[in-house]
Amino acid sequence: MKKQDLMSIDEIQKLADPDMQKVNQNIFAQLNSDVPLIGQLGFYIVQGGGKRIRPLIAVLAARSLGFEGASSITCATFVEFIHTASLLHDDVVDESDMRRGRATANSEFGNAASVLVGDFIYTRAFQLVAQLESLKILGIMADATNVLAEGEVQQLMNVNDPETSEANYMRVIYSKTARLFEVAGQAAAIVAGGTEVQEKALQDYGRYIGTAFQLVDDVLDYSANTQALGKNVGDDLAEGKPTLPLLHAMRYGNAQQAALIREAIEQGGKREAIDEVLAIMAEHKSLDYAMNRAKEEAQKAVDAIVMLPDSDYKKALISLAYLSVDRNY
């Protein structure tokens, strides 16, 4: 597909808007609870913006197979709930104070409330899956949440560890991010009654676009501005997280440069060290390396769904893959 034939993000959102409105309505409905704090904190985080890319993939995937039922809305909602719960827990673990350009839920409501409401949202996601009456989707979701938790623990082990390998880091990306994108595509294909080939295609699409998405986030952590990014630039280094650009710069830098990056990872990079690290990355084109890896993954996502029937929804999925690496936020 030629670049001029691709859809803009506005066109994609317009196409998916009827379904996404239903998803958003369902999200708010499912956050209702007799415990006021659950609704307050839950509404705070879901109203905080976010790209809603996982539910968007779910509704587009189902539509690309000709499905018009309500089950895809349920799929989109439960996937977004797993993601939302993981964000609440992430921000507590990382002691983050800013997300999407405003204070994190743990900053506003405290760590205990964030963890417990995150647990509520996780369990609500399982209630939604139960509504689908599909043991296959239940098994997929159970596996995905387990893999996600493993990824969280592995990332925790990688913090302040400059010995983290690129392969190890890519496994974390799969576990923490790409696996849930896989679920969005695969579960949508299942409720849409797709063939095994179509199901595998949309699962693969999710994995590749999810990987691309996270790699771009890694790049933006060092190249975007705080307002566009919605968090502090250089947070990954400040938290001692060895992401792909850092690992690349450390591998190809000279002994002095590698030692500086190792120390920054081990101690959690101070703000004044970020400029030095950025200069090393620029010298060795480390951000370009990570971005090129992201573009390769985006192309794999496009190639994965080439066999789907042609439609505006397939076109939207293809366009979304390319747009995932062409952004500054």
Protein backbone atom coordinates (compact mmCIF):
# COMPACT_ATOMS: atom_id res chain seq x y z
CA MET A 1 0.00 0.00 0.00
CA LYS A 2 1.42 3.36 -1.03
CA LYS A 3 1.94 6.00 1.64
CA GLN A 4 -0.58 8.34 0.02
CA ASP A 5 -3.22 5.59 0.31
CA LEU A 6 -2.80 5.23 4.07
CA MET A 7 -5.37 6.59 6.50
CA SER A 8 -4.58 9.37 8.97
CA ILE A 9 -5.16 8.82 12.66
CA ASP A 10 -8.22 11.09 12.42
CA GLU A 11 -9.66 8.93 9.62
CA ILE A 12 -9.01 5.76 11.61
CA GLN A 13 -10.68 7.20 14.68
CA LYS A 14 -13.67 8.37 12.62
CA LEU A 15 -14.06 4.88 11.16
CA ALA A 16 -13.90 3.24 14.58
CA ASP A 17 -15.80 5.94 16.46
CA PRO A 18 -19.18 4.16 16.74
CA ASP A 19 -17.49 1.13 18.30
CA MET A 20 -15.06 3.13 20.43
CA GLN A 21 -17.91 5.18 21.88
CA LYS A 22 -19.48 1.91 23.02
CA VAL A 23 -16.14 0.79 24.45
CA ASN A 24 -15.78 4.00 26.44
CA GLN A 25 -19.35 3.73 27.71
CA ASN A 26 -18.66 0.16 28.80
CA ILE A 27 -15.42 1.16 30.52
CA PHE A 28 -17.21 3.75 32.65
CA ALA A 29 -20.14 1.43 33.35
CA GLN A 30 -17.82 -1.33 34.54
CA LEU A 31 -16.04 1.02 36.95
CA ASN A 32 -19.22 1.49 38.98
CA SER A 33 -18.91 0.17 42.52
CA ASP A 34 -20.56 0.55 45.89
CA VAL A 35 -17.12 1.60 47.17
CA PRO A 36 -16.77 5.29 46.21
CA LEU A 37 -12.96 5.30 46.06
CA ILE A 38 -12.98 2.67 43.31
CA GLY A 39 -15.06 4.87 41.05
CA GLN A 40 -13.12 8.01 41.93
CA LEU A 41 -9.69 6.54 41.25
CA GLY A 42 -10.89 4.45 38.32
CA PHE A 43 -12.47 7.43 36.59
CA TYR A 44 -9.35 9.50 37.32
CA ILE A 45 -7.06 7.15 35.42
CA VAL A 46 -9.35 6.34 32.47
CA GLN A 47 -10.18 10.03 31.99
CA GLY A 48 -6.47 10.81 31.92
CA GLY A 49 -6.27 10.38 28.18
CA GLY A 50 -4.26 7.57 26.69
CA LYS A 51 -4.32 6.35 23.13
CA ARG A 52 -6.77 3.45 23.63
CA ILE A 53 -4.76 1.65 20.96
CA ARG A 54 -5.41 -1.85 22.33
CA PRO A 55 -9.22 -1.57 22.23
CA LEU A 56 -8.91 0.19 18.87
CA ILE A 57 -7.05 -2.82 17.49
CA ALA A 58 -9.70 -5.15 18.92
CA VAL A 59 -12.64 -3.39 17.27
CA LEU A 60 -10.83 -2.92 13.95
CA ALA A 61 -9.73 -6.56 13.94
CA ALA A 62 -13.26 -7.83 14.52
CA ARG A 63 -14.68 -5.49 11.87
CA SER A 64 -12.00 -6.56 9.39
CA LEU A 65 -13.54 -10.04 9.56
CA GLY A 66 -17.04 -8.68 9.00
CA PHE A 67 -18.17 -8.96 12.63
CA GLU A 68 -20.86 -6.56 13.86
CA GLY A 69 -21.79 -8.02 17.26
CA ALA A 70 -21.28 -6.68 20.78
CA SER A 71 -18.68 -9.25 21.82
CA SER A 72 -15.89 -7.23 20.25
CA ILE A 73 -16.80 -4.33 22.56
CA THR A 74 -16.40 -6.66 25.53
CA CYS A 75 -13.03 -7.84 24.18
CA ALA A 76 -11.85 -4.27 23.73
CA THR A 77 -12.94 -3.35 27.26
CA PHE A 78 -11.30 -6.25 29.05
CA VAL A 79 -8.01 -5.69 27.20
CA GLU A 80 -8.04 -2.01 28.17
CA PHE A 81 -8.81 -2.94 31.78
CA ILE A 82 -5.79 -5.25 31.99
CA HIS A 83 -3.65 -2.46 30.59
CA THR A 84 -5.13 0.12 32.98
CA ALA A 85 -4.57 -2.10 36.01
CA SER A 86 -0.98 -2.69 34.98
CA LEU A 87 -0.42 1.08 34.70
CA LEU A 88 -1.70 1.61 38.23
CA HIS A 89 0.67 -1.04 39.56
CA ASP A 90 3.56 0.17 37.36
CA ASP A 91 3.38 3.71 38.68
CA VAL A 92 3.54 2.47 42.26
CA VAL A 93 6.53 0.22 41.54
CA ASP A 94 8.32 2.99 39.61
CA GLU A 95 7.32 5.69 42.14
CA SER A 96 6.17 7.76 39.16
CA ASP A 97 4.59 11.15 39.75
CA MET A 98 3.52 12.03 36.19
CA ARG A 99 1.69 10.15 33.47
CA ARG A 100 -0.04 11.54 30.37
CA GLY A 101 0.82 15.06 31.44
CA ARG A 102 -0.70 15.02 34.92
CA ALA A 103 -0.19 13.57 38.37
CA THR A 104 -0.32 9.78 38.61
CA ALA A 105 -3.10 8.10 40.54
CA ASN A 106 -0.67 7.05 43.27
CA SER A 107 0.39 10.69 43.67
CA GLU A 108 -3.23 11.76 44.06
CA PHE A 109 -4.71 8.84 46.00
CA GLY A 110 -1.71 7.04 47.54
CA ASN A 111 0.04 3.77 46.78
CA ALA A 112 -2.32 1.50 48.70
CA ALA A 113 -5.42 2.79 46.92
CA SER A 114 -3.73 2.50 43.51
CA VAL A 115 -2.70 -1.11 44.09
CA LEU A 116 -6.10 -2.16 45.42
CA VAL A 117 -8.12 -0.41 42.71
CA GLY A 118 -5.74 -1.94 40.18
CA ASP A 119 -6.67 -5.33 41.64
CA PHE A 120 -10.36 -4.45 41.28
CA ILE A 121 -9.90 -3.54 37.62
CA TYR A 122 -8.01 -6.78 36.97
CA THR A 123 -10.82 -8.85 38.46
CA ARG A 124 -13.42 -6.83 36.57
CA ALA A 125 -11.58 -7.77 33.39
CA PHE A 126 -12.03 -11.46 34.24
CA GLN A 127 -15.75 -10.87 34.83
CA LEU A 128 -15.96 -9.38 31.34
CA VAL A 129 -14.20 -12.38 29.82
CA ALA A 130 -16.67 -14.67 31.59
CA GLN A 131 -19.48 -12.88 29.72
CA LEU A 132 -17.98 -14.11 26.44
CA GLU A 133 -18.47 -17.73 27.53
CA SER A 134 -15.30 -18.77 25.71
CA LEU A 135 -12.87 -21.06 27.51
CA LYS A 136 -10.35 -20.37 24.76
CA ILE A 137 -10.37 -16.62 25.37
CA LEU A 138 -10.30 -17.19 29.13
CA GLY A 139 -7.20 -19.35 28.71
CA ILE A 140 -5.57 -16.75 26.47
CA MET A 141 -6.27 -13.99 28.98
CA ALA A 142 -5.07 -16.05 31.95
CA ASP A 143 -1.82 -16.79 30.13
CA ALA A 144 -1.38 -13.17 29.06
CA THR A 145 -1.83 -11.77 32.57
CA ASN A 146 0.66 -14.33 33.87
CA VAL A 147 3.18 -13.40 31.19
CA LEU A 148 2.61 -9.70 31.92
CA ALA A 149 3.32 -10.28 35.62
CA GLU A 150 6.49 -12.19 34.75
CA GLY A 151 7.56 -9.28 32.57
CA GLU A 152 6.99 -6.84 35.42
CA VAL A 153 9.18 -8.93 37.72
CA GLN A 154 11.87 -9.36 35.06
CA GLN A 155 11.93 -5.60 34.48
CA LEU A 156 12.27 -5.08 38.21
CA MET A 157 15.29 -7.40 38.16
CA ASN A 158 16.75 -5.48 35.21
CA VAL A 159 16.58 -2.13 37.00
CA ASN A 160 20.09 -0.86 37.80
CA ASP A 161 21.57 -3.87 35.99
CA PRO A 162 23.85 -2.84 33.10
CA GLU A 163 24.44 -6.53 32.29
CA THR A 164 20.91 -6.79 30.88
CA SER A 165 21.16 -8.24 27.37
CA GLU A 166 19.26 -7.03 24.33
CA ALA A 167 17.54 -10.43 24.12
CA ASN A 168 16.48 -10.15 27.75
CA TYR A 169 15.11 -6.67 27.15
CA MET A 170 13.16 -7.78 24.07
CA ARG A 171 11.58 -10.54 26.18
CA VAL A 172 10.45 -7.89 28.66
CA ILE A 173 8.90 -5.88 25.82
CA TYR A 174 7.02 -8.95 24.65
CA SER A 175 5.82 -9.83 28.15
CA LYS A 176 4.87 -6.34 29.33
CA THR A 177 3.51 -4.87 26.12
CA ALA A 178 3.30 -7.02 23.01
CA ARG A 179 1.51 -9.97 24.63
CA LEU A 180 -1.53 -7.84 25.45
CA PHE A 181 -1.59 -6.44 21.91
CA GLU A 182 -1.63 -10.06 20.75
CA VAL A 183 -4.66 -10.71 22.92
CA ALA A 184 -6.49 -7.73 21.41
CA GLY A 185 -6.12 -9.13 17.89
CA GLN A 186 -6.56 -12.80 18.72
CA ALA A 187 -9.60 -12.47 21.00
CA ALA A 188 -11.31 -10.23 18.45
CA ALA A 189 -10.69 -12.82 15.74
CA ILE A 190 -12.16 -15.55 17.93
CA VAL A 191 -15.40 -13.70 18.74
CA ALA A 192 -15.66 -12.74 15.05
CA GLY A 193 -15.59 -16.42 14.08
CA GLY A 194 -12.38 -16.08 12.08
CA THR A 195 -10.46 -19.03 10.71
CA GLU A 196 -7.36 -20.33 12.49
CA VAL A 197 -5.25 -18.62 9.83
CA GLN A 198 -7.01 -15.29 10.39
CA GLU A 199 -6.73 -15.67 14.16
CA LYS A 200 -2.99 -16.31 13.88
CA ALA A 201 -2.61 -13.36 11.50
CA LEU A 202 -4.26 -10.93 13.90
CA GLN A 203 -2.37 -12.36 16.86
CA ASP A 204 0.92 -11.83 15.00
CA TYR A 205 -0.19 -8.35 13.97
CA GLY A 206 -0.74 -7.51 17.62
CA ARG A 207 2.65 -8.84 18.68
CA TYR A 208 4.54 -6.91 16.04
CA ILE A 209 2.71 -3.60 16.44
CA GLY A 210 2.98 -3.90 20.23
CA THR A 211 6.74 -4.41 19.98
CA ALA A 212 7.06 -1.47 17.58
CA PHE A 213 4.97 0.70 19.87
CA GLN A 214 7.17 0.04 22.91
CA LEU A 215 10.41 0.54 21.00
CA VAL A 216 9.17 3.94 19.86
CA ASP A 217 8.29 4.78 23.47
CA ASP A 218 11.89 3.92 24.38
CA VAL A 219 13.14 6.36 21.76
CA LEU A 220 10.70 9.09 22.78
CA ASP A 221 11.91 8.86 26.37
CA TYR A 222 15.11 10.50 25.13
CA SER A 223 13.91 12.55 22.17
CA ALA A 224 10.46 14.01 22.91
CA ASN A 225 9.64 17.00 25.06
CA THR A 226 7.92 16.65 28.42
CA GLN A 227 4.66 18.24 27.24
CA ALA A 228 4.33 15.95 24.22
CA LEU A 229 5.46 12.85 26.10
CA GLY A 230 3.23 13.43 29.11
CA LYS A 231 6.02 12.44 31.51
CA ASN A 232 9.52 13.59 32.31
CA VAL A 233 12.04 13.09 29.51
CA GLY A 234 14.79 10.71 30.61
CA ASP A 235 12.61 8.93 33.16
CA ASP A 236 13.91 5.52 32.04
CA LEU A 237 17.50 6.51 32.80
CA ALA A 238 16.51 8.25 36.03
CA GLU A 239 14.85 4.99 37.12
CA GLY A 240 17.87 2.91 36.10
CA LYS A 241 16.00 1.09 33.34
CA PRO A 242 18.32 -0.28 30.62
CA THR A 243 16.23 0.19 27.47
CA LEU A 244 17.35 -0.59 23.92
CA PRO A 245 18.93 2.80 23.06
CA LEU A 246 21.00 2.66 26.25
CA LEU A 247 22.10 -0.92 25.63
CA HIS A 248 23.13 -0.05 22.07
CA ALA A 249 25.10 3.03 23.14
CA MET A 250 26.85 1.06 25.87
CA ARG A 251 27.77 -1.72 23.43
CA TYR A 252 29.21 0.56 20.76
CA GLY A 253 30.64 3.33 22.93
CA ASN A 254 34.29 3.44 23.91
CA ALA A 255 35.41 2.26 27.34
CA GLN A 256 34.87 5.66 28.94
CA GLN A 257 31.42 6.10 27.39
CA ALA A 258 30.36 2.58 28.34
CA ALA A 259 31.52 3.16 31.91
CA LEU A 260 29.50 6.37 32.14
CA ILE A 261 26.34 4.63 30.95
CA ARG A 262 26.95 1.64 33.24
CA GLU A 263 27.24 3.99 36.20
CA ALA A 264 24.09 5.86 35.18
CA ILE A 265 22.14 2.59 34.98
CA GLU A 266 23.54 1.26 38.26
CA GLN A 267 22.85 4.43 40.22
CA GLY A 268 19.80 5.74 38.38
CA GLY A 269 20.89 8.52 36.07
CA LYS A 270 20.88 11.97 37.60
CA ARG A 271 19.26 14.67 35.48
CA GLU A 272 22.64 16.24 34.79
CA ALA A 273 23.91 12.94 33.31
CA ILE A 274 21.18 12.81 30.68
CA ASP A 275 22.86 15.32 28.36
CA GLU A 276 26.08 13.29 28.42
CA VAL A 277 24.20 10.08 27.67
CA LEU A 278 22.27 11.78 24.86
CA ALA A 279 25.54 12.90 23.29
CA ILE A 280 26.85 9.33 23.36
CA MET A 281 23.61 8.06 21.83
CA ALA A 282 23.83 10.67 19.09
CA GLU A 283 27.42 9.71 18.28
CA HIS A 284 26.54 6.05 17.87
CA LYS A 285 23.07 6.61 16.37
CA SER A 286 21.49 4.56 19.14
CA LEU A 287 18.07 6.20 18.82
CA ASP A 288 18.16 5.54 15.06
CA TYR A 289 18.98 1.90 15.77
CA ALA A 290 15.99 1.49 18.08
CA MET A 291 13.70 3.36 15.69
CA ASN A 292 14.78 1.17 12.77
CA ARG A 293 14.02 -1.91 14.85
CA ALA A 294 10.57 -0.45 15.50
CA LYS A 295 10.00 0.16 11.79
CA GLU A 296 10.95 -3.46 11.05
CA GLU A 297 8.36 -4.65 13.56
CA ALA A 298 5.71 -2.35 12.10
CA GLN A 299 6.35 -3.78 8.65
CA LYS A 300 6.03 -7.31 10.04
CA ALA A 301 2.64 -6.30 11.46
CA VAL A 302 1.51 -5.14 8.02
CA ASP A 303 2.82 -8.30 6.34
CA ALA A 304 1.03 -10.48 8.91
CA ILE A 305 -2.44 -9.36 7.78
CA VAL A 306 -1.90 -9.18 4.04
CA MET A 307 -4.15 -12.23 3.62
CA LEU A 308 -7.18 -10.61 5.31
CA PRO A 309 -10.01 -9.57 2.98
CA ASP A 310 -9.63 -6.02 1.69
CA SER A 311 -11.74 -3.46 3.56
CA ASP A 312 -11.48 -0.06 5.17
CA TYR A 313 -10.86 -1.84 8.48
CA LYS A 314 -7.88 -3.75 7.10
CA LYS A 315 -6.60 -0.48 5.64
CA ALA A 316 -6.99 1.10 9.08
CA LEU A 317 -4.98 -1.68 10.72
CA ILE A 318 -2.21 -1.30 8.15
CA SER A 319 -2.19 2.47 8.58
CA LEU A 320 -2.15 2.13 12.36
CA ALA A 321 0.98 -0.02 12.16
CA TYR A 322 2.84 2.64 10.22
CA LEU A 323 1.49 5.43 12.43
CA SER A 324 2.73 3.61 15.54
CA VAL A 325 6.29 4.50 14.53
CA ASP A 326 5.48 7.92 13.07
CA ARG A 327 4.60 9.85 16.22
CA ASN A 328 6.13 12.14 18.82
CA TYR A 329 3.97 11.27 21.83
